[in-house]
């Protein structure tokens, strides 16, 4: 992972004692912000994945066992 992205995390990785949900949430927000603001506008198209992940985080669907996960208009679960 790029260090400048890691600098935006509140939590260390779980392998080093960090809380997994906080680490994953931080990663998702930081990565989405980076993709959204990237100078190559074609990369902005990749943010749909992180918006879906954030929706699952906000819904507390950590096990991804919801029956209504839609990513970029396609039902994936």
N, C-alpha and C. Protein backbone atom coordinates (compact mmCIF):
# COMPACT_ATOMS: atom_id res chain seq x y z
N UNK A 1 0.85 -1.17 0.00
CA UNK A 1 0.00 0.00 0.00
C UNK A 1 0.89 1.24 0.00
N UNK A 2 0.51 2.23 -0.75
CA UNK A 2 1.30 3.46 -0.83
C UNK A 2 1.32 4.17 0.52
N UNK A 3 2.50 4.60 0.93
CA UNK A 3 2.66 5.19 2.25
C UNK A 3 1.83 6.47 2.42
N UNK A 4 1.74 7.28 1.37
CA UNK A 4 0.96 8.51 1.52
C UNK A 4 -0.51 8.22 1.77
N UNK A 5 -1.00 7.07 1.30
CA UNK A 5 -2.37 6.67 1.62
C UNK A 5 -2.45 6.19 3.08
N UNK A 6 -1.46 5.41 3.49
CA UNK A 6 -1.43 4.89 4.86
C UNK A 6 -1.37 6.01 5.89
N UNK A 7 -0.78 7.11 5.53
CA UNK A 7 -0.67 8.24 6.45
C UNK A 7 -2.04 8.78 6.86
N UNK A 8 -3.07 8.49 6.08
CA UNK A 8 -4.42 8.96 6.39
C UNK A 8 -5.21 8.03 7.29
N UNK A 9 -4.60 6.94 7.74
CA UNK A 9 -5.29 5.95 8.57
C UNK A 9 -5.16 6.32 10.05
N UNK A 10 -6.22 6.07 10.80
CA UNK A 10 -6.20 6.27 12.25
C UNK A 10 -5.65 5.05 12.96
N UNK A 11 -5.67 3.92 12.29
CA UNK A 11 -5.40 2.64 12.93
C UNK A 11 -4.31 1.88 12.18
N UNK A 12 -3.50 1.15 12.91
CA UNK A 12 -2.51 0.28 12.29
C UNK A 12 -3.18 -0.97 11.76
N UNK A 13 -2.47 -1.76 10.97
CA UNK A 13 -3.06 -2.98 10.43
C UNK A 13 -3.39 -3.99 11.54
N UNK A 14 -4.40 -4.80 11.33
CA UNK A 14 -4.77 -5.80 12.34
C UNK A 14 -3.61 -6.73 12.70
N UNK A 15 -2.75 -7.05 11.75
CA UNK A 15 -1.62 -7.93 12.03
C UNK A 15 -0.66 -7.32 13.06
N UNK A 16 -0.78 -6.00 13.25
CA UNK A 16 0.06 -5.31 14.23
C UNK A 16 -0.76 -4.77 15.39
N UNK A 17 -1.92 -5.37 15.61
CA UNK A 17 -2.74 -5.00 16.76
C UNK A 17 -3.84 -4.00 16.49
N UNK A 18 -3.96 -3.52 15.25
CA UNK A 18 -5.02 -2.57 14.92
C UNK A 18 -6.39 -3.23 14.88
N UNK A 19 -7.41 -2.42 15.08
CA UNK A 19 -8.78 -2.94 15.02
C UNK A 19 -9.18 -3.09 13.55
N UNK A 20 -9.60 -4.28 13.20
CA UNK A 20 -9.86 -4.61 11.80
C UNK A 20 -10.91 -3.70 11.15
N UNK A 21 -12.04 -3.48 11.82
CA UNK A 21 -13.10 -2.67 11.21
C UNK A 21 -12.66 -1.22 11.02
N UNK A 22 -11.91 -0.69 11.96
CA UNK A 22 -11.42 0.69 11.82
C UNK A 22 -10.42 0.76 10.67
N UNK A 23 -9.53 -0.21 10.59
CA UNK A 23 -8.53 -0.23 9.52
C UNK A 23 -9.20 -0.32 8.15
N UNK A 24 -10.16 -1.22 8.01
CA UNK A 24 -10.85 -1.39 6.72
C UNK A 24 -11.65 -0.14 6.36
N UNK A 25 -12.30 0.46 7.35
CA UNK A 25 -13.06 1.68 7.10
C UNK A 25 -12.13 2.80 6.66
N UNK A 26 -11.02 2.97 7.36
CA UNK A 26 -10.04 3.99 6.98
C UNK A 26 -9.53 3.76 5.56
N UNK A 27 -9.16 2.51 5.27
CA UNK A 27 -8.66 2.18 3.94
C UNK A 27 -9.68 2.55 2.87
N UNK A 28 -10.92 2.20 3.11
CA UNK A 28 -11.97 2.42 2.12
C UNK A 28 -12.19 3.91 1.87
N UNK A 29 -12.27 4.70 2.94
CA UNK A 29 -12.44 6.15 2.78
C UNK A 29 -11.24 6.80 2.10
N UNK A 30 -10.04 6.43 2.53
CA UNK A 30 -8.82 7.04 1.97
C UNK A 30 -8.67 6.66 0.51
N UNK A 31 -8.89 5.40 0.19
CA UNK A 31 -8.75 4.95 -1.20
C UNK A 31 -9.79 5.61 -2.10
N UNK A 32 -11.03 5.73 -1.61
CA UNK A 32 -12.08 6.38 -2.39
C UNK A 32 -11.74 7.85 -2.65
N UNK A 33 -11.25 8.53 -1.63
CA UNK A 33 -10.87 9.94 -1.79
C UNK A 33 -9.74 10.09 -2.79
N UNK A 34 -8.77 9.20 -2.72
CA UNK A 34 -7.63 9.26 -3.65
C UNK A 34 -8.09 9.04 -5.09
N UNK A 35 -8.93 8.02 -5.30
CA UNK A 35 -9.42 7.75 -6.65
C UNK A 35 -10.29 8.91 -7.15
N UNK A 36 -11.12 9.46 -6.29
CA UNK A 36 -12.02 10.56 -6.67
C UNK A 36 -11.26 11.81 -7.08
N UNK A 37 -10.12 12.05 -6.46
CA UNK A 37 -9.36 13.25 -6.74
C UNK A 37 -8.17 13.05 -7.64
N UNK A 38 -8.03 11.86 -8.21
CA UNK A 38 -6.87 11.56 -9.05
C UNK A 38 -6.87 12.44 -10.30
N UNK A 39 -5.69 12.92 -10.70
CA UNK A 39 -5.63 13.78 -11.90
C UNK A 39 -6.06 13.07 -13.18
N UNK A 40 -5.91 11.77 -13.25
CA UNK A 40 -6.39 11.01 -14.41
C UNK A 40 -7.87 10.74 -14.21
N UNK A 41 -8.71 11.49 -14.90
CA UNK A 41 -10.15 11.42 -14.68
C UNK A 41 -10.73 10.03 -14.98
N UNK A 42 -10.06 9.23 -15.81
CA UNK A 42 -10.55 7.88 -16.10
C UNK A 42 -10.56 7.02 -14.83
N UNK A 43 -9.67 7.32 -13.91
CA UNK A 43 -9.59 6.57 -12.66
C UNK A 43 -10.79 6.86 -11.77
N UNK A 44 -11.42 8.00 -11.96
CA UNK A 44 -12.61 8.34 -11.16
C UNK A 44 -13.70 7.29 -11.33
N UNK A 45 -13.71 6.62 -12.48
CA UNK A 45 -14.73 5.60 -12.74
C UNK A 45 -14.63 4.41 -11.80
N UNK A 46 -13.50 4.25 -11.11
CA UNK A 46 -13.31 3.12 -10.22
C UNK A 46 -13.94 3.33 -8.85
N UNK A 47 -14.42 4.52 -8.57
CA UNK A 47 -14.95 4.81 -7.24
C UNK A 47 -16.24 4.06 -6.93
N UNK A 48 -16.92 3.54 -7.94
CA UNK A 48 -18.18 2.83 -7.67
C UNK A 48 -17.95 1.67 -6.70
N UNK A 49 -16.79 1.02 -6.80
CA UNK A 49 -16.51 -0.11 -5.90
C UNK A 49 -16.46 0.36 -4.45
N UNK A 50 -15.76 1.45 -4.23
CA UNK A 50 -15.58 1.93 -2.86
C UNK A 50 -16.87 2.54 -2.30
N UNK A 51 -17.68 3.14 -3.16
CA UNK A 51 -18.99 3.62 -2.70
C UNK A 51 -19.84 2.44 -2.24
N UNK A 52 -19.77 1.33 -2.95
CA UNK A 52 -20.51 0.13 -2.55
C UNK A 52 -19.96 -0.42 -1.23
N UNK A 53 -18.65 -0.48 -1.12
CA UNK A 53 -18.04 -0.97 0.13
C UNK A 53 -18.43 -0.08 1.30
N UNK A 54 -18.41 1.24 1.09
CA UNK A 54 -18.78 2.15 2.17
C UNK A 54 -20.25 1.97 2.56
N UNK A 55 -21.11 1.72 1.59
CA UNK A 55 -22.52 1.47 1.90
C UNK A 55 -22.65 0.21 2.77
N UNK A 56 -21.86 -0.81 2.48
CA UNK A 56 -21.90 -2.03 3.28
C UNK A 56 -21.37 -1.78 4.69
N UNK A 57 -20.30 -1.00 4.80
CA UNK A 57 -19.74 -0.63 6.11
C UNK A 57 -20.79 0.14 6.91
N UNK A 58 -21.40 1.13 6.27
CA UNK A 58 -22.40 1.95 6.97
C UNK A 58 -23.64 1.16 7.35
N UNK A 59 -23.91 0.07 6.64
CA UNK A 59 -25.04 -0.81 6.96
C UNK A 59 -24.65 -1.91 7.94
N UNK A 60 -23.40 -1.88 8.41
CA UNK A 60 -22.89 -2.93 9.31
C UNK A 60 -22.97 -4.32 8.68
N UNK A 61 -22.82 -4.38 7.37
CA UNK A 61 -22.88 -5.66 6.64
C UNK A 61 -21.45 -6.19 6.46
N UNK A 62 -20.76 -6.39 7.58
CA UNK A 62 -19.36 -6.80 7.54
C UNK A 62 -19.17 -8.19 6.96
N UNK A 63 -20.12 -9.06 7.10
CA UNK A 63 -19.99 -10.41 6.55
C UNK A 63 -20.47 -10.50 5.10
N UNK A 64 -20.92 -9.37 4.57
CA UNK A 64 -21.44 -9.29 3.19
C UNK A 64 -22.52 -10.35 2.94
N UNK A 65 -23.36 -10.54 3.95
CA UNK A 65 -24.40 -11.55 3.82
C UNK A 65 -25.76 -10.94 3.49
N UNK A 66 -25.78 -9.66 3.17
CA UNK A 66 -27.01 -9.02 2.73
C UNK A 66 -27.42 -9.60 1.38
N UNK A 67 -28.69 -9.68 1.16
CA UNK A 67 -29.16 -10.23 -0.10
C UNK A 67 -29.36 -9.17 -1.17
N UNK A 68 -28.96 -7.94 -0.89
CA UNK A 68 -29.23 -6.88 -1.86
C UNK A 68 -28.01 -5.98 -2.09
N UNK A 69 -26.88 -6.58 -2.41
CA UNK A 69 -25.69 -5.79 -2.70
C UNK A 69 -25.66 -5.53 -4.20
N UNK A 70 -25.69 -4.24 -4.56
CA UNK A 70 -25.66 -3.85 -5.97
C UNK A 70 -24.42 -2.97 -6.16
N UNK A 71 -23.60 -3.34 -7.13
CA UNK A 71 -22.38 -2.61 -7.41
C UNK A 71 -22.41 -2.17 -8.87
N UNK A 72 -22.39 -0.85 -9.06
CA UNK A 72 -22.39 -0.29 -10.41
C UNK A 72 -23.59 -0.77 -11.23
N UNK A 73 -24.72 -0.90 -10.54
CA UNK A 73 -25.94 -1.31 -11.22
C UNK A 73 -26.12 -2.80 -11.40
N UNK A 74 -25.17 -3.58 -10.91
CA UNK A 74 -25.23 -5.04 -11.06
C UNK A 74 -25.36 -5.68 -9.69
N UNK A 75 -26.38 -6.52 -9.55
CA UNK A 75 -26.54 -7.22 -8.28
C UNK A 75 -25.44 -8.26 -8.14
N UNK A 76 -24.67 -8.17 -7.06
CA UNK A 76 -23.56 -9.10 -6.84
C UNK A 76 -23.84 -10.07 -5.69
N UNK A 77 -24.86 -9.78 -4.93
CA UNK A 77 -25.23 -10.71 -3.85
C UNK A 77 -26.68 -10.47 -3.49
